[in-house]
Each structure stands twice: as C-alpha cells, then as structure tokens.
C-alpha cells in the first residue's frame, strides 16, 4: 500500500466507534426492533431472523416488518425479481445481517 492509500485508509477508519453507535441509536424510531441473530440454510442463505426482544421471524415476516418500518437499520430492495432484505450500509461489516450470530 502506498502512502496515499495508507493516509486515506487511516482517514476512513478514524471515526470513533462510540460516535458511530450513538448515530445508529439516534436513527432508530420508536417501536423499531433490531435484528440481533440470524438462521441460515445449508447454502448459507438467510432464512430467519431473531430480534432483540427474542422474536423469531421467517424471511417473509421479516420482509413485511421491514417494509412496515418495524425493523431498525434494515432495507428492502428489489433484485432477482423479488424483494430482498439487507442491512443499511454504514461502513461497519460487523453489523451486516450475514455477520450476525446464528440462533
């Protein structure tokens, strides 16, 4: 990595994780739940989600709740001819749906 890339990399990573978490918490609306765990099938596809209150949602339930604004930091987008769930992009891969612990 040359010095320009190194400086840019340091610049991108200088954000304080506490500040990032505070911004994320501020973005949550009342009555929204966070997804804290996922279930995957044998192919690694996400098939179910667990919320912070312990509720377990199948994929269709999670889509419905995300569309209704009941799930925090989850986007629904249309790809491959169907709706798909994904985490809101925030630059932190640790909170991506695919990176969450499994239940």
N, C-alpha and C. Protein backbone atom coordinates (compact mmCIF):
# COMPACT_ATOMS: atom_id res chain seq x y z
N UNK A 1 0.85 -1.17 0.00
CA UNK A 1 0.00 0.00 0.00
C UNK A 1 0.90 1.24 0.00
N UNK A 2 0.66 2.14 -0.96
CA UNK A 2 1.49 3.34 -0.99
C UNK A 2 0.99 4.34 0.06
N UNK A 3 1.73 5.42 0.24
CA UNK A 3 1.42 6.35 1.33
C UNK A 3 0.07 7.02 1.14
N UNK A 4 -0.36 7.23 -0.12
CA UNK A 4 -1.64 7.87 -0.38
C UNK A 4 -2.79 6.96 0.08
N UNK A 5 -2.68 5.69 -0.28
CA UNK A 5 -3.69 4.73 0.15
C UNK A 5 -3.69 4.59 1.67
N UNK A 6 -2.52 4.57 2.26
CA UNK A 6 -2.40 4.43 3.71
C UNK A 6 -3.06 5.62 4.44
N UNK A 7 -2.80 6.82 3.97
CA UNK A 7 -3.40 8.00 4.59
C UNK A 7 -4.92 7.97 4.43
N UNK A 8 -5.38 7.61 3.24
CA UNK A 8 -6.83 7.55 3.03
C UNK A 8 -7.46 6.47 3.91
N UNK A 9 -6.81 5.34 4.02
CA UNK A 9 -7.30 4.25 4.87
C UNK A 9 -7.40 4.73 6.33
N UNK A 10 -6.39 5.43 6.81
CA UNK A 10 -6.42 5.95 8.17
C UNK A 10 -7.55 6.96 8.34
N UNK A 11 -7.73 7.81 7.34
CA UNK A 11 -8.80 8.80 7.36
C UNK A 11 -10.16 8.12 7.48
N UNK A 12 -10.40 7.09 6.67
CA UNK A 12 -11.69 6.39 6.70
C UNK A 12 -11.93 5.70 8.02
N UNK A 13 -10.88 5.22 8.66
CA UNK A 13 -11.03 4.46 9.90
C UNK A 13 -10.91 5.30 11.16
N UNK A 14 -10.81 6.64 11.01
CA UNK A 14 -10.62 7.47 12.18
C UNK A 14 -11.90 7.68 12.98
N UNK A 15 -13.05 7.32 12.43
CA UNK A 15 -14.29 7.55 13.17
C UNK A 15 -14.30 6.75 14.45
N UNK A 16 -14.79 7.38 15.47
CA UNK A 16 -14.88 6.75 16.79
C UNK A 16 -16.08 5.81 16.80
N UNK A 17 -15.86 4.55 17.16
CA UNK A 17 -16.95 3.57 17.16
C UNK A 17 -18.08 3.99 18.08
N UNK A 18 -17.77 4.67 19.19
CA UNK A 18 -18.82 5.15 20.09
C UNK A 18 -19.72 6.16 19.38
N UNK A 19 -19.11 7.04 18.58
CA UNK A 19 -19.88 8.02 17.83
C UNK A 19 -20.76 7.33 16.80
N UNK A 20 -20.22 6.32 16.13
CA UNK A 20 -20.98 5.57 15.14
C UNK A 20 -22.18 4.90 15.80
N UNK A 21 -21.96 4.25 16.94
CA UNK A 21 -23.06 3.58 17.64
C UNK A 21 -24.10 4.60 18.12
N UNK A 22 -23.67 5.76 18.56
CA UNK A 22 -24.60 6.80 19.01
C UNK A 22 -25.46 7.29 17.84
N UNK A 23 -24.84 7.47 16.68
CA UNK A 23 -25.59 7.88 15.50
C UNK A 23 -26.60 6.81 15.09
N UNK A 24 -26.20 5.56 15.17
CA UNK A 24 -27.11 4.46 14.83
C UNK A 24 -28.30 4.45 15.78
N UNK A 25 -28.04 4.61 17.07
CA UNK A 25 -29.11 4.61 18.06
C UNK A 25 -30.06 5.78 17.84
N UNK A 26 -29.53 6.95 17.46
CA UNK A 26 -30.38 8.11 17.21
C UNK A 26 -31.28 7.90 16.01
N UNK A 27 -30.84 7.11 15.05
CA UNK A 27 -31.62 6.88 13.84
C UNK A 27 -32.80 5.94 14.07
N UNK A 28 -32.82 5.23 15.18
CA UNK A 28 -33.92 4.30 15.45
C UNK A 28 -35.18 5.07 15.79
N UNK A 29 -36.28 4.63 15.24
CA UNK A 29 -37.57 5.23 15.54
C UNK A 29 -38.22 4.45 16.67
N UNK A 30 -39.15 5.07 17.39
CA UNK A 30 -39.87 4.33 18.44
C UNK A 30 -40.56 3.10 17.83
N UNK A 31 -40.64 2.06 18.59
CA UNK A 31 -41.30 0.81 18.19
C UNK A 31 -40.54 0.04 17.12
N UNK A 32 -39.29 0.35 16.90
CA UNK A 32 -38.48 -0.44 15.98
C UNK A 32 -37.61 -1.40 16.79
N UNK A 33 -37.40 -2.57 16.23
CA UNK A 33 -36.53 -3.56 16.86
C UNK A 33 -35.32 -3.80 15.98
N UNK A 34 -34.21 -4.15 16.61
CA UNK A 34 -33.01 -4.52 15.87
C UNK A 34 -32.98 -6.02 15.71
N UNK A 35 -32.45 -6.46 14.59
CA UNK A 35 -32.18 -7.88 14.39
C UNK A 35 -30.82 -8.17 15.02
N UNK A 36 -30.78 -9.20 15.87
CA UNK A 36 -29.54 -9.50 16.59
C UNK A 36 -28.94 -10.85 16.24
N UNK A 37 -29.72 -11.71 15.55
CA UNK A 37 -29.20 -13.03 15.17
C UNK A 37 -29.96 -13.50 13.94
N UNK A 38 -29.36 -14.44 13.24
CA UNK A 38 -29.95 -14.96 12.00
C UNK A 38 -29.87 -16.49 11.97
N UNK A 39 -30.65 -17.08 11.11
CA UNK A 39 -30.54 -18.50 10.83
C UNK A 39 -30.28 -18.65 9.33
N UNK A 40 -29.37 -19.54 8.99
CA UNK A 40 -29.01 -19.77 7.59
C UNK A 40 -29.32 -21.22 7.23
N UNK A 41 -29.58 -21.44 5.94
CA UNK A 41 -29.76 -22.81 5.47
C UNK A 41 -28.39 -23.40 5.09
N UNK A 42 -28.39 -24.60 4.56
CA UNK A 42 -27.14 -25.28 4.21
C UNK A 42 -26.32 -24.53 3.16
N UNK A 43 -27.00 -23.73 2.33
CA UNK A 43 -26.31 -22.96 1.29
C UNK A 43 -25.79 -21.62 1.80
N UNK A 44 -26.07 -21.31 3.07
CA UNK A 44 -25.63 -20.04 3.63
C UNK A 44 -26.60 -18.90 3.42
N UNK A 45 -27.80 -19.22 2.89
CA UNK A 45 -28.82 -18.20 2.69
C UNK A 45 -29.49 -17.87 4.02
N UNK A 46 -29.78 -16.60 4.24
CA UNK A 46 -30.51 -16.20 5.45
C UNK A 46 -31.96 -16.64 5.31
N UNK A 47 -32.46 -17.36 6.31
CA UNK A 47 -33.84 -17.85 6.22
C UNK A 47 -34.71 -17.40 7.39
N UNK A 48 -34.12 -16.90 8.47
CA UNK A 48 -34.89 -16.45 9.63
C UNK A 48 -34.07 -15.44 10.41
N UNK A 49 -34.77 -14.66 11.25
CA UNK A 49 -34.14 -13.57 11.98
C UNK A 49 -34.67 -13.53 13.40
N UNK A 50 -33.81 -13.18 14.34
CA UNK A 50 -34.22 -13.01 15.73
C UNK A 50 -34.03 -11.55 16.11
N UNK A 51 -35.07 -10.98 16.74
CA UNK A 51 -34.99 -9.58 17.15
C UNK A 51 -34.45 -9.48 18.57
N UNK A 52 -34.13 -8.27 18.98
CA UNK A 52 -33.59 -8.05 20.31
C UNK A 52 -34.56 -8.45 21.42
N UNK A 53 -35.86 -8.53 21.11
CA UNK A 53 -36.84 -8.96 22.12
C UNK A 53 -36.98 -10.48 22.15
N UNK A 54 -36.30 -11.16 21.22
CA UNK A 54 -36.36 -12.62 21.19
C UNK A 54 -37.34 -13.18 20.17
N UNK A 55 -38.06 -12.30 19.50
CA UNK A 55 -38.99 -12.80 18.48
C UNK A 55 -38.21 -13.41 17.33
N UNK A 56 -38.73 -14.50 16.79
CA UNK A 56 -38.11 -15.16 15.64
C UNK A 56 -39.03 -15.00 14.44
N UNK A 57 -38.47 -14.44 13.37
CA UNK A 57 -39.24 -14.14 12.17
C UNK A 57 -38.72 -14.95 11.00
N UNK A 58 -39.65 -15.54 10.24
CA UNK A 58 -39.21 -16.17 9.00
C UNK A 58 -38.93 -15.05 7.99
N UNK A 59 -38.42 -15.40 6.82
CA UNK A 59 -37.99 -14.39 5.86
C UNK A 59 -39.14 -13.49 5.42
N UNK A 60 -40.31 -14.08 5.16
CA UNK A 60 -41.47 -13.31 4.69
C UNK A 60 -41.97 -12.37 5.79
N UNK A 61 -41.99 -12.83 7.04
CA UNK A 61 -42.39 -11.97 8.15
C UNK A 61 -41.42 -10.79 8.29
N UNK A 62 -40.13 -11.08 8.19
CA UNK A 62 -39.12 -10.03 8.31
C UNK A 62 -39.27 -9.01 7.17
N UNK A 63 -39.53 -9.48 5.95
CA UNK A 63 -39.76 -8.56 4.83
C UNK A 63 -40.94 -7.65 5.12
N UNK A 64 -42.02 -8.23 5.60
CA UNK A 64 -43.23 -7.46 5.89
C UNK A 64 -42.96 -6.41 6.97
N UNK A 65 -42.27 -6.80 8.03
CA UNK A 65 -41.97 -5.87 9.12
C UNK A 65 -41.00 -4.78 8.67
N UNK A 66 -40.02 -5.14 7.85
CA UNK A 66 -39.08 -4.15 7.34
C UNK A 66 -39.80 -3.14 6.45
N UNK A 67 -40.68 -3.62 5.59
CA UNK A 67 -41.45 -2.72 4.72
C UNK A 67 -42.33 -1.80 5.55
N UNK A 68 -42.82 -2.29 6.68
CA UNK A 68 -43.67 -1.50 7.56
C UNK A 68 -42.91 -0.60 8.51
N UNK A 69 -41.58 -0.60 8.42
CA UNK A 69 -40.77 0.27 9.25
C UNK A 69 -40.61 -0.22 10.68
N UNK A 70 -40.86 -1.50 10.92
CA UNK A 70 -40.78 -2.03 12.29
C UNK A 70 -39.40 -2.57 12.65
N UNK A 71 -38.50 -2.71 11.66
CA UNK A 71 -37.15 -3.21 11.92
C UNK A 71 -36.15 -2.09 11.66
N UNK A 72 -35.31 -1.85 12.64
CA UNK A 72 -34.31 -0.78 12.54
C UNK A 72 -33.14 -1.20 11.66
N UNK A 73 -32.68 -0.26 10.86
CA UNK A 73 -31.45 -0.41 10.07
C UNK A 73 -31.50 -1.57 9.07
N UNK A 74 -32.70 -1.84 8.55
CA UNK A 74 -32.88 -2.88 7.54
C UNK A 74 -33.52 -2.24 6.31
N UNK A 75 -32.95 -2.50 5.15
CA UNK A 75 -33.50 -2.02 3.89
C UNK A 75 -34.11 -3.19 3.12
N UNK A 76 -35.12 -2.87 2.33
CA UNK A 76 -35.69 -3.84 1.41
C UNK A 76 -35.43 -3.30 0.01
N UNK A 77 -34.87 -4.13 -0.84
CA UNK A 77 -34.66 -3.71 -2.22
C UNK A 77 -35.07 -4.85 -3.14
N UNK A 78 -35.31 -4.51 -4.38
CA UNK A 78 -35.81 -5.48 -5.35
C UNK A 78 -34.67 -5.92 -6.26
N UNK A 79 -34.40 -7.22 -6.26
CA UNK A 79 -33.33 -7.77 -7.09
C UNK A 79 -33.69 -9.21 -7.41
N UNK A 80 -33.26 -9.71 -8.53
CA UNK A 80 -33.54 -11.08 -8.96
C UNK A 80 -35.04 -11.34 -9.04
N UNK A 81 -35.84 -10.30 -9.29
CA UNK A 81 -37.27 -10.47 -9.44
C UNK A 81 -38.03 -10.62 -8.13
N UNK A 82 -37.38 -10.30 -7.00
CA UNK A 82 -38.07 -10.41 -5.70
C UNK A 82 -37.48 -9.40 -4.73
N UNK A 83 -38.20 -9.21 -3.61
CA UNK A 83 -37.71 -8.32 -2.56
C UNK A 83 -36.67 -9.04 -1.72
N UNK A 84 -35.63 -8.30 -1.31
CA UNK A 84 -34.52 -8.86 -0.56
C UNK A 84 -34.22 -7.94 0.62
N UNK A 85 -33.91 -8.55 1.77
CA UNK A 85 -33.51 -7.80 2.96
C UNK A 85 -32.01 -7.58 2.97
N UNK A 86 -31.60 -6.43 3.48
CA UNK A 86 -30.18 -6.20 3.71
C UNK A 86 -30.04 -5.14 4.80
N UNK A 87 -28.90 -5.12 5.43
CA UNK A 87 -28.60 -4.10 6.43
C UNK A 87 -28.39 -2.77 5.73
N UNK A 88 -28.75 -1.69 6.42
CA UNK A 88 -28.44 -0.38 5.88
C UNK A 88 -26.93 -0.24 5.80
N UNK A 89 -26.40 0.23 4.70
CA UNK A 89 -24.95 0.40 4.60
C UNK A 89 -24.47 1.50 5.55
N UNK A 90 -23.52 1.13 6.43
CA UNK A 90 -22.98 2.11 7.37
C UNK A 90 -21.46 1.99 7.47
N UNK A 91 -20.87 1.18 6.62
CA UNK A 91 -19.42 1.03 6.64
C UNK A 91 -18.90 0.06 7.67
N UNK A 92 -19.78 -0.53 8.46
CA UNK A 92 -19.38 -1.47 9.51
C UNK A 92 -19.87 -2.87 9.13
N UNK A 93 -18.97 -3.73 8.73
CA UNK A 93 -19.37 -5.08 8.31
C UNK A 93 -19.81 -5.96 9.46
N UNK A 94 -19.42 -5.61 10.69
CA UNK A 94 -19.76 -6.43 11.85
C UNK A 94 -21.26 -6.50 12.10
N UNK A 95 -22.02 -5.48 11.69
CA UNK A 95 -23.45 -5.49 11.94
C UNK A 95 -24.26 -5.86 10.70
N UNK A 96 -23.60 -6.32 9.65
CA UNK A 96 -24.32 -6.80 8.48
C UNK A 96 -25.08 -8.06 8.83
N UNK A 97 -26.22 -8.27 8.22
CA UNK A 97 -27.03 -9.45 8.54
C UNK A 97 -26.21 -10.73 8.45
N UNK A 98 -25.41 -10.85 7.41
CA UNK A 98 -24.65 -12.07 7.20
C UNK A 98 -23.57 -12.29 8.27
N UNK A 99 -23.21 -11.24 8.99
CA UNK A 99 -22.17 -11.34 10.01
C UNK A 99 -22.72 -11.54 11.42
N UNK A 100 -24.04 -11.47 11.58
CA UNK A 100 -24.64 -11.62 12.92
C UNK A 100 -24.53 -13.06 13.39
N UNK A 101 -24.56 -13.28 14.71
CA UNK A 101 -24.51 -14.65 15.21
C UNK A 101 -25.75 -15.43 14.78
N UNK A 102 -25.59 -16.74 14.76
CA UNK A 102 -26.72 -17.60 14.39
C UNK A 102 -27.46 -18.08 15.62
N UNK A 103 -28.78 -18.29 15.46
CA UNK A 103 -29.58 -18.84 16.55
C UNK A 103 -30.12 -20.19 16.15
